[in-house]
Amino acid sequence: MQAQVGDRLRVHGRTVGHADHLVEIIEVRGIDGGPPYLIRYEDGHEAVVFPGPDAVVEANPGAPPN
């Protein structure tokens, strides 16, 4: 898994009825874009995460295409 600042991390709900969580990656602390990531939730809460297999990185929607 590789990410850049500004990308989004989508963590899929684990059970029926639980929605996905979509958070912003505000700092990449691993080597070559790898985890851990400092993320920010919509409510402003920040946390350091090591995403599991239920998470995917989505490119920054405002980033210019490669």
PDB file of N, CA and C in Angstrom:
ATOM      1  N   MET A   1       0.850  -1.166   0.000  1.00  0.00           N
ATOM      2  CA  MET A   1       0.000   0.000   0.000  1.00  0.00           C
ATOM      3  C   MET A   1       0.898   1.232   0.000  1.00  0.00           C
ATOM      4  N   GLN A   2       0.612   2.159  -0.912  1.00  0.00           N
ATOM      5  CA  GLN A   2       1.366   3.405  -0.985  1.00  0.00           C
ATOM      6  C   GLN A   2       0.399   4.564  -1.087  1.00  0.00           C
ATOM      7  N   ALA A   3       0.744   5.669  -0.434  1.00  0.00           N
ATOM      8  CA  ALA A   3      -0.118   6.846  -0.424  1.00  0.00           C
ATOM      9  C   ALA A   3       0.720   8.109  -0.434  1.00  0.00           C
ATOM     10  N   GLN A   4       0.047   9.220  -0.691  1.00  0.00           N
ATOM     11  CA  GLN A   4       0.645  10.545  -0.623  1.00  0.00           C
ATOM     12  C   GLN A   4      -0.246  11.414   0.236  1.00  0.00           C
ATOM     13  N   VAL A   5       0.324  12.480   0.761  1.00  0.00           N
ATOM     14  CA  VAL A   5      -0.469  13.437   1.525  1.00  0.00           C
ATOM     15  C   VAL A   5      -1.587  13.949   0.624  1.00  0.00           C
ATOM     16  N   GLY A   6      -2.794  13.990   1.160  1.00  0.00           N
ATOM     17  CA  GLY A   6      -3.958  14.436   0.406  1.00  0.00           C
ATOM     18  C   GLY A   6      -4.802  13.302  -0.140  1.00  0.00           C
ATOM     19  N   ASP A   7      -4.228  12.092  -0.226  1.00  0.00           N
ATOM     20  CA  ASP A   7      -5.010  10.938  -0.653  1.00  0.00           C
ATOM     21  C   ASP A   7      -6.050  10.619   0.410  1.00  0.00           C
ATOM     22  N   ARG A   8      -6.991   9.796   0.054  1.00  0.00           N
ATOM     23  CA  ARG A   8      -8.023   9.350   0.984  1.00  0.00           C
ATOM     24  C   ARG A   8      -7.811   7.873   1.299  1.00  0.00           C
ATOM     25  N   LEU A   9      -8.132   7.500   2.520  1.00  0.00           N
ATOM     26  CA  LEU A   9      -8.079   6.109   2.945  1.00  0.00           C
ATOM     27  C   LEU A   9      -9.513   5.665   3.199  1.00  0.00           C
ATOM     28  N   ARG A  10      -9.967   4.662   2.463  1.00  0.00           N
ATOM     29  CA  ARG A  10     -11.316   4.120   2.651  1.00  0.00           C
ATOM     30  C   ARG A  10     -11.196   2.796   3.389  1.00  0.00           C
ATOM     31  N   VAL A  11     -11.831   2.748   4.562  1.00  0.00           N
ATOM     32  CA  VAL A  11     -11.861   1.525   5.364  1.00  0.00           C
ATOM     33  C   VAL A  11     -13.274   0.965   5.248  1.00  0.00           C
ATOM     34  N   HIS A  12     -13.383  -0.213   4.662  1.00  0.00           N
ATOM     35  CA  HIS A  12     -14.689  -0.822   4.416  1.00  0.00           C
ATOM     36  C   HIS A  12     -15.311  -1.301   5.719  1.00  0.00           C
ATOM     37  N   GLY A  13     -16.639  -1.139   5.820  1.00  0.00           N
ATOM     38  CA  GLY A  13     -17.368  -1.646   6.972  1.00  0.00           C
ATOM     39  C   GLY A  13     -17.195  -3.146   7.090  1.00  0.00           C
ATOM     40  N   ARG A  14     -17.051  -3.632   8.296  1.00  0.00           N
ATOM     41  CA  ARG A  14     -16.773  -5.060   8.496  1.00  0.00           C
ATOM     42  C   ARG A  14     -18.020  -5.924   8.569  1.00  0.00           C
ATOM     43  N   THR A  15     -19.149  -5.318   8.887  1.00  0.00           N
ATOM     44  CA  THR A  15     -20.377  -6.090   8.998  1.00  0.00           C
ATOM     45  C   THR A  15     -21.494  -5.385   8.238  1.00  0.00           C
ATOM     46  N   VAL A  16     -22.531  -6.123   7.946  1.00  0.00           N
ATOM     47  CA  VAL A  16     -23.673  -5.560   7.236  1.00  0.00           C
ATOM     48  C   VAL A  16     -24.256  -4.419   8.056  1.00  0.00           C
ATOM     49  N   GLY A  17     -24.524  -3.318   7.400  1.00  0.00           N
ATOM     50  CA  GLY A  17     -25.116  -2.170   8.079  1.00  0.00           C
ATOM     51  C   GLY A  17     -24.111  -1.138   8.557  1.00  0.00           C
ATOM     52  N   HIS A  18     -22.823  -1.460   8.515  1.00  0.00           N
ATOM     53  CA  HIS A  18     -21.800  -0.494   8.903  1.00  0.00           C
ATOM     54  C   HIS A  18     -21.182   0.116   7.650  1.00  0.00           C
ATOM     55  N   ALA A  19     -21.244   1.422   7.560  1.00  0.00           N
ATOM     56  CA  ALA A  19     -20.760   2.133   6.377  1.00  0.00           C
ATOM     57  C   ALA A  19     -19.236   2.186   6.346  1.00  0.00           C
ATOM     58  N   ASP A  20     -18.701   2.450   5.156  1.00  0.00           N
ATOM     59  CA  ASP A  20     -17.264   2.673   5.011  1.00  0.00           C
ATOM     60  C   ASP A  20     -16.877   3.975   5.714  1.00  0.00           C
ATOM     61  N   HIS A  21     -15.623   4.057   6.130  1.00  0.00           N
ATOM     62  CA  HIS A  21     -15.064   5.292   6.675  1.00  0.00           C
ATOM     63  C   HIS A  21     -14.114   5.845   5.629  1.00  0.00           C
ATOM     64  N   LEU A  22     -14.253   7.130   5.325  1.00  0.00           N
ATOM     65  CA  LEU A  22     -13.372   7.781   4.370  1.00  0.00           C
ATOM     66  C   LEU A  22     -12.652   8.898   5.107  1.00  0.00           C
ATOM     67  N   VAL A  23     -11.318   8.799   5.172  1.00  0.00           N
ATOM     68  CA  VAL A  23     -10.522   9.767   5.924  1.00  0.00           C
ATOM     69  C   VAL A  23      -9.419  10.324   5.036  1.00  0.00           C
ATOM     70  N   GLU A  24      -8.901  11.481   5.410  1.00  0.00           N
ATOM     71  CA  GLU A  24      -7.833  12.127   4.648  1.00  0.00           C
ATOM     72  C   GLU A  24      -6.476  11.771   5.239  1.00  0.00           C
ATOM     73  N   ILE A  25      -5.528  11.449   4.390  1.00  0.00           N
ATOM     74  CA  ILE A  25      -4.161  11.190   4.836  1.00  0.00           C
ATOM     75  C   ILE A  25      -3.444  12.534   4.895  1.00  0.00           C
ATOM     76  N   ILE A  26      -3.000  12.920   6.095  1.00  0.00           N
ATOM     77  CA  ILE A  26      -2.353  14.224   6.256  1.00  0.00           C
ATOM     78  C   ILE A  26      -0.839  14.112   6.456  1.00  0.00           C
ATOM     79  N   GLU A  27      -0.354  12.893   6.700  1.00  0.00           N
ATOM     80  CA  GLU A  27       1.089  12.676   6.809  1.00  0.00           C
ATOM     81  C   GLU A  27       1.398  11.210   6.537  1.00  0.00           C
ATOM     82  N   VAL A  28       2.430  10.986   5.746  1.00  0.00           N
ATOM     83  CA  VAL A  28       2.896   9.628   5.460  1.00  0.00           C
ATOM     84  C   VAL A  28       4.185   9.435   6.237  1.00  0.00           C
ATOM     85  N   ARG A  29       4.203   8.476   7.153  1.00  0.00           N
ATOM     86  CA  ARG A  29       5.369   8.285   8.018  1.00  0.00           C
ATOM     87  C   ARG A  29       6.232   7.096   7.618  1.00  0.00           C
ATOM     88  N   GLY A  30       5.770   6.301   6.680  1.00  0.00           N
ATOM     89  CA  GLY A  30       6.514   5.124   6.243  1.00  0.00           C
ATOM     90  C   GLY A  30       7.437   5.444   5.083  1.00  0.00           C
ATOM     91  N   ILE A  31       8.204   4.454   4.695  1.00  0.00           N
ATOM     92  CA  ILE A  31       9.154   4.587   3.587  1.00  0.00           C
ATOM     93  C   ILE A  31       8.422   4.412   2.265  1.00  0.00           C
ATOM     94  N   ASP A  32       8.727   5.262   1.290  1.00  0.00           N
ATOM     95  CA  ASP A  32       8.165   5.177  -0.064  1.00  0.00           C
ATOM     96  C   ASP A  32       6.643   5.157  -0.081  1.00  0.00           C
ATOM     97  N   GLY A  33       6.010   5.963   0.764  1.00  0.00           N
ATOM     98  CA  GLY A  33       4.556   6.067   0.761  1.00  0.00           C
ATOM     99  C   GLY A  33       3.838   4.998   1.549  1.00  0.00           C
ATOM    100  N   GLY A  34       4.583   4.188   2.267  1.00  0.00           N
ATOM    101  CA  GLY A  34       3.973   3.115   3.050  1.00  0.00           C
ATOM    102  C   GLY A  34       3.491   3.585   4.410  1.00  0.00           C
ATOM    103  N   PRO A  35       2.720   2.757   5.088  1.00  0.00           N
ATOM    104  CA  PRO A  35       2.235   3.090   6.422  1.00  0.00           C
ATOM    105  C   PRO A  35       3.368   3.124   7.437  1.00  0.00           C
ATOM    106  N   PRO A  36       3.145   3.772   8.558  1.00  0.00           N
ATOM    107  CA  PRO A  36       1.881   4.280   9.087  1.00  0.00           C
ATOM    108  C   PRO A  36       1.516   5.634   8.476  1.00  0.00           C
ATOM    109  N   TYR A  37       0.213   5.945   8.587  1.00  0.00           N
ATOM    110  CA  TYR A  37      -0.321   7.207   8.092  1.00  0.00           C
ATOM    111  C   TYR A  37      -0.964   7.975   9.239  1.00  0.00           C
ATOM    112  N   LEU A  38      -0.773   9.292   9.220  1.00  0.00           N
ATOM    113  CA  LEU A  38      -1.524  10.164  10.118  1.00  0.00           C
ATOM    114  C   LEU A  38      -2.752  10.573   9.325  1.00  0.00           C
ATOM    115  N   ILE A  39      -3.933  10.294   9.874  1.00  0.00           N
ATOM    116  CA  ILE A  39      -5.177  10.563   9.155  1.00  0.00           C
ATOM    117  C   ILE A  39      -6.038  11.547   9.931  1.00  0.00           C
ATOM    118  N   ARG A  40      -6.977  12.168   9.208  1.00  0.00           N
ATOM    119  CA  ARG A  40      -7.927  13.086   9.844  1.00  0.00           C
ATOM    120  C   ARG A  40      -9.339  12.698   9.424  1.00  0.00           C
ATOM    121  N   TYR A  41     -10.186  12.491  10.435  1.00  0.00           N
ATOM    122  CA  TYR A  41     -11.594  12.208  10.195  1.00  0.00           C
ATOM    123  C   TYR A  41     -12.332  13.514   9.921  1.00  0.00           C
ATOM    124  N   GLU A  42     -13.559  13.420   9.412  1.00  0.00           N
ATOM    125  CA  GLU A  42     -14.355  14.601   9.100  1.00  0.00           C
ATOM    126  C   GLU A  42     -14.580  15.500  10.312  1.00  0.00           C
ATOM    127  N   ASP A  43     -14.657  14.899  11.502  1.00  0.00           N
ATOM    128  CA  ASP A  43     -14.915  15.686  12.708  1.00  0.00           C
ATOM    129  C   ASP A  43     -13.653  16.347  13.266  1.00  0.00           C
ATOM    130  N   GLY A  44     -12.505  16.180  12.577  1.00  0.00           N
ATOM    131  CA  GLY A  44     -11.262  16.801  13.001  1.00  0.00           C
ATOM    132  C   GLY A  44     -10.354  15.906  13.828  1.00  0.00           C
ATOM    133  N   HIS A  45     -10.866  14.769  14.258  1.00  0.00           N
ATOM    134  CA  HIS A  45     -10.075  13.815  15.043  1.00  0.00           C
ATOM    135  C   HIS A  45      -8.929  13.291  14.183  1.00  0.00           C
ATOM    136  N   GLU A  46      -7.740  13.170  14.775  1.00  0.00           N
ATOM    137  CA  GLU A  46      -6.573  12.650  14.061  1.00  0.00           C
ATOM    138  C   GLU A  46      -6.072  11.387  14.750  1.00  0.00           C
ATOM    139  N   ALA A  47      -5.503  10.481  13.947  1.00  0.00           N
ATOM    140  CA  ALA A  47      -4.988   9.225  14.479  1.00  0.00           C
ATOM    141  C   ALA A  47      -3.895   8.697  13.565  1.00  0.00           C
ATOM    142  N   VAL A  48      -3.007   7.894  14.126  1.00  0.00           N
ATOM    143  CA  VAL A  48      -1.994   7.190  13.344  1.00  0.00           C
ATOM    144  C   VAL A  48      -2.514   5.778  13.117  1.00  0.00           C
ATOM    145  N   VAL A  49      -2.484   5.326  11.846  1.00  0.00           N
ATOM    146  CA  VAL A  49      -3.020   4.007  11.524  1.00  0.00           C
ATOM    147  C   VAL A  49      -2.052   3.197  10.676  1.00  0.00           C
ATOM    148  N   PHE A  50      -2.116   1.913  10.848  1.00  0.00           N
ATOM    149  CA  PHE A  50      -1.509   0.919   9.968  1.00  0.00           C
ATOM    150  C   PHE A  50      -2.689   0.213   9.318  1.00  0.00           C
ATOM    151  N   PRO A  51      -3.087   0.599   8.099  1.00  0.00           N
ATOM    152  CA  PRO A  51      -4.292   0.028   7.486  1.00  0.00           C
ATOM    153  C   PRO A  51      -4.185  -1.478   7.288  1.00  0.00           C
ATOM    154  N   GLY A  52      -5.303  -2.134   7.474  1.00  0.00           N
ATOM    155  CA  GLY A  52      -5.376  -3.573   7.268  1.00  0.00           C
ATOM    156  C   GLY A  52      -5.877  -3.902   5.872  1.00  0.00           C
ATOM    157  N   PRO A  53      -6.200  -5.175   5.642  1.00  0.00           N
ATOM    158  CA  PRO A  53      -6.642  -5.600   4.318  1.00  0.00           C
ATOM    159  C   PRO A  53      -8.020  -5.070   3.927  1.00  0.00           C
ATOM    160  N   ASP A  54      -8.740  -4.486   4.887  1.00  0.00           N
ATOM    161  CA  ASP A  54     -10.065  -3.932   4.590  1.00  0.00           C
ATOM    162  C   ASP A  54      -9.992  -2.463   4.184  1.00  0.00           C
ATOM    163  N   ALA A  55      -8.788  -1.948   3.895  1.00  0.00           N
ATOM    164  CA  ALA A  55      -8.610  -0.537   3.540  1.00  0.00           C
ATOM    165  C   ALA A  55      -7.967  -0.405   2.161  1.00  0.00           C
ATOM    166  N   VAL A  56      -8.340   0.678   1.463  1.00  0.00           N
ATOM    167  CA  VAL A  56      -7.748   0.994   0.161  1.00  0.00           C
ATOM    168  C   VAL A  56      -7.428   2.484   0.118  1.00  0.00           C
ATOM    169  N   VAL A  57      -6.369   2.829  -0.612  1.00  0.00           N
ATOM    170  CA  VAL A  57      -5.991   4.225  -0.802  1.00  0.00           C
ATOM    171  C   VAL A  57      -6.641   4.713  -2.087  1.00  0.00           C
ATOM    172  N   GLU A  58      -7.281   5.874  -2.007  1.00  0.00           N
ATOM    173  CA  GLU A  58      -7.876   6.515  -3.171  1.00  0.00           C
ATOM    174  C   GLU A  58      -7.104   7.796  -3.432  1.00  0.00           C
ATOM    175  N   ALA A  59      -6.740   8.030  -4.679  1.00  0.00           N
ATOM    176  CA  ALA A  59      -5.942   9.206  -5.039  1.00  0.00           C
ATOM    177  C   ALA A  59      -6.653  10.496  -4.638  1.00  0.00           C
ATOM    178  N   ASN A  60      -5.847  11.498  -4.342  1.00  0.00           N
ATOM    179  CA  ASN A  60      -6.351  12.826  -4.003  1.00  0.00           C
ATOM    180  C   ASN A  60      -7.231  13.324  -5.150  1.00  0.00           C
ATOM    181  N   PRO A  61      -8.485  13.658  -4.870  1.00  0.00           N
ATOM    182  CA  PRO A  61      -9.375  14.077  -5.955  1.00  0.00           C
ATOM    183  C   PRO A  61      -8.951  15.398  -6.607  1.00  0.00           C
ATOM    184  N   GLY A  62      -8.129  16.201  -5.931  1.00  0.00           N
ATOM    185  CA  GLY A  62      -7.702  17.474  -6.476  1.00  0.00           C
ATOM    186  C   GLY A  62      -6.326  17.437  -7.112  1.00  0.00           C
ATOM    187  N   ALA A  63      -5.679  16.278  -7.119  1.00  0.00           N
ATOM    188  CA  ALA A  63      -4.322  16.169  -7.657  1.00  0.00           C
ATOM    189  C   ALA A  63      -4.357  16.137  -9.186  1.00  0.00           C
ATOM    190  N   PRO A  64      -3.367  16.749  -9.822  1.00  0.00           N
ATOM    191  CA  PRO A  64      -3.304  16.684 -11.289  1.00  0.00           C
ATOM    192  C   PRO A  64      -3.000  15.270 -11.745  1.00  0.00           C
ATOM    193  N   PRO A  65      -3.548  14.838 -12.885  1.00  0.00           N
ATOM    194  CA  PRO A  65      -3.284  13.490 -13.372  1.00  0.00           C
ATOM    195  C   PRO A  65      -1.834  13.326 -13.788  1.00  0.00           C
ATOM    196  N   ASN A  66      -1.325  12.100 -13.678  1.00  0.00           N
ATOM    197  CA  ASN A  66       0.071  11.809 -14.039  1.00  0.00           C
ATOM    198  C   ASN A  66       0.227  11.696 -15.522  1.00  0.00           C
TER     199      ASN A  66
END
